[in-house]
């Protein structure tokens, strides 16, 4: 992960975990809904892995939210 984008990945990670918890989904639930490995979900939630925009689309679809919900810094 590029250092200059680290803050954005942390924001996405925080929001992903918050949204997932609010909806009552486990990491495995989300992984099953979007066909992404559970370990990858964990790495994304810990801002430990870079990922493609298509992954963000899949996560938003699985959690039934808009992509911008992951990007909000005030949430």
Protein backbone atom coordinates (compact mmCIF):
# COMPACT_ATOMS: atom_id res chain seq x y z
CA UNK A 1 0.00 0.00 0.00
CA UNK A 2 1.33 3.39 -0.91
CA UNK A 3 2.03 5.58 2.08
CA UNK A 4 0.32 8.62 0.56
CA UNK A 5 -3.02 6.74 0.44
CA UNK A 6 -2.80 5.14 3.88
CA UNK A 7 -5.31 7.54 5.48
CA UNK A 8 -7.92 6.78 2.81
CA UNK A 9 -7.49 3.03 3.30
CA UNK A 10 -7.86 3.50 7.07
CA UNK A 11 -11.08 5.45 6.53
CA UNK A 12 -12.45 2.70 4.30
CA UNK A 13 -11.35 0.04 6.80
CA UNK A 14 -13.03 1.79 9.72
CA UNK A 15 -16.26 2.34 7.79
CA UNK A 16 -16.33 -1.20 6.42
CA UNK A 17 -16.04 -2.66 9.93
CA UNK A 18 -18.62 -0.21 11.34
CA UNK A 19 -21.15 -0.94 8.58
CA UNK A 20 -20.60 -4.70 8.80
CA UNK A 21 -21.06 -4.66 12.58
CA UNK A 22 -24.14 -2.42 12.34
CA UNK A 23 -25.74 -4.85 9.90
CA UNK A 24 -24.87 -7.83 12.11
CA UNK A 25 -22.65 -9.57 9.56
CA UNK A 26 -19.53 -11.51 10.39
CA UNK A 27 -16.51 -11.23 8.11
CA UNK A 28 -17.41 -14.70 6.81
CA UNK A 29 -20.97 -13.54 6.01
CA UNK A 30 -19.59 -10.68 3.91
CA UNK A 31 -17.03 -12.96 2.28
CA UNK A 32 -19.77 -15.41 1.28
CA UNK A 33 -22.00 -12.65 -0.07
CA UNK A 34 -19.32 -11.22 -2.36
CA UNK A 35 -17.12 -14.27 -3.01
CA UNK A 36 -14.04 -12.75 -1.39
CA UNK A 37 -11.84 -14.71 1.00
CA UNK A 38 -12.60 -13.98 4.67
CA UNK A 39 -8.91 -13.37 5.35
CA UNK A 40 -8.94 -10.67 2.65
CA UNK A 41 -11.91 -9.00 4.36
CA UNK A 42 -9.88 -9.00 7.57
CA UNK A 43 -6.84 -7.49 5.86
CA UNK A 44 -9.00 -4.77 4.29
CA UNK A 45 -10.63 -3.99 7.66
CA UNK A 46 -7.17 -3.66 9.18
CA UNK A 47 -5.94 -1.44 6.33
CA UNK A 48 -3.26 -4.05 5.74
CA UNK A 49 -3.98 -4.70 2.08
CA UNK A 50 -4.37 -2.66 -1.04
CA UNK A 51 -7.42 -3.60 -3.12
CA UNK A 52 -9.05 -2.80 -6.42
CA UNK A 53 -12.07 -0.57 -6.92
CA UNK A 54 -14.04 -3.61 -8.07
CA UNK A 55 -13.57 -5.09 -4.59
CA UNK A 56 -15.09 -1.96 -3.08
CA UNK A 57 -18.06 -2.31 -5.43
CA UNK A 58 -18.50 -5.95 -4.36
CA UNK A 59 -18.33 -5.03 -0.67
CA UNK A 60 -20.88 -2.23 -1.10
CA UNK A 61 -23.21 -4.59 -2.92
CA UNK A 62 -22.83 -7.32 -0.28
CA UNK A 63 -23.57 -4.85 2.52
CA UNK A 64 -26.32 -3.07 0.56
CA UNK A 65 -24.73 0.37 0.91
CA UNK A 66 -23.38 3.01 -1.43
CA UNK A 67 -19.66 3.18 -2.08
CA UNK A 68 -19.56 6.68 -0.64
CA UNK A 69 -20.54 5.21 2.75
CA UNK A 70 -17.02 3.73 2.89
CA UNK A 71 -15.36 7.04 2.05
CA UNK A 72 -16.98 9.33 4.62
CA UNK A 73 -14.52 10.53 7.21
CA UNK A 74 -17.19 11.87 9.55
CA UNK A 75 -19.10 8.63 10.01
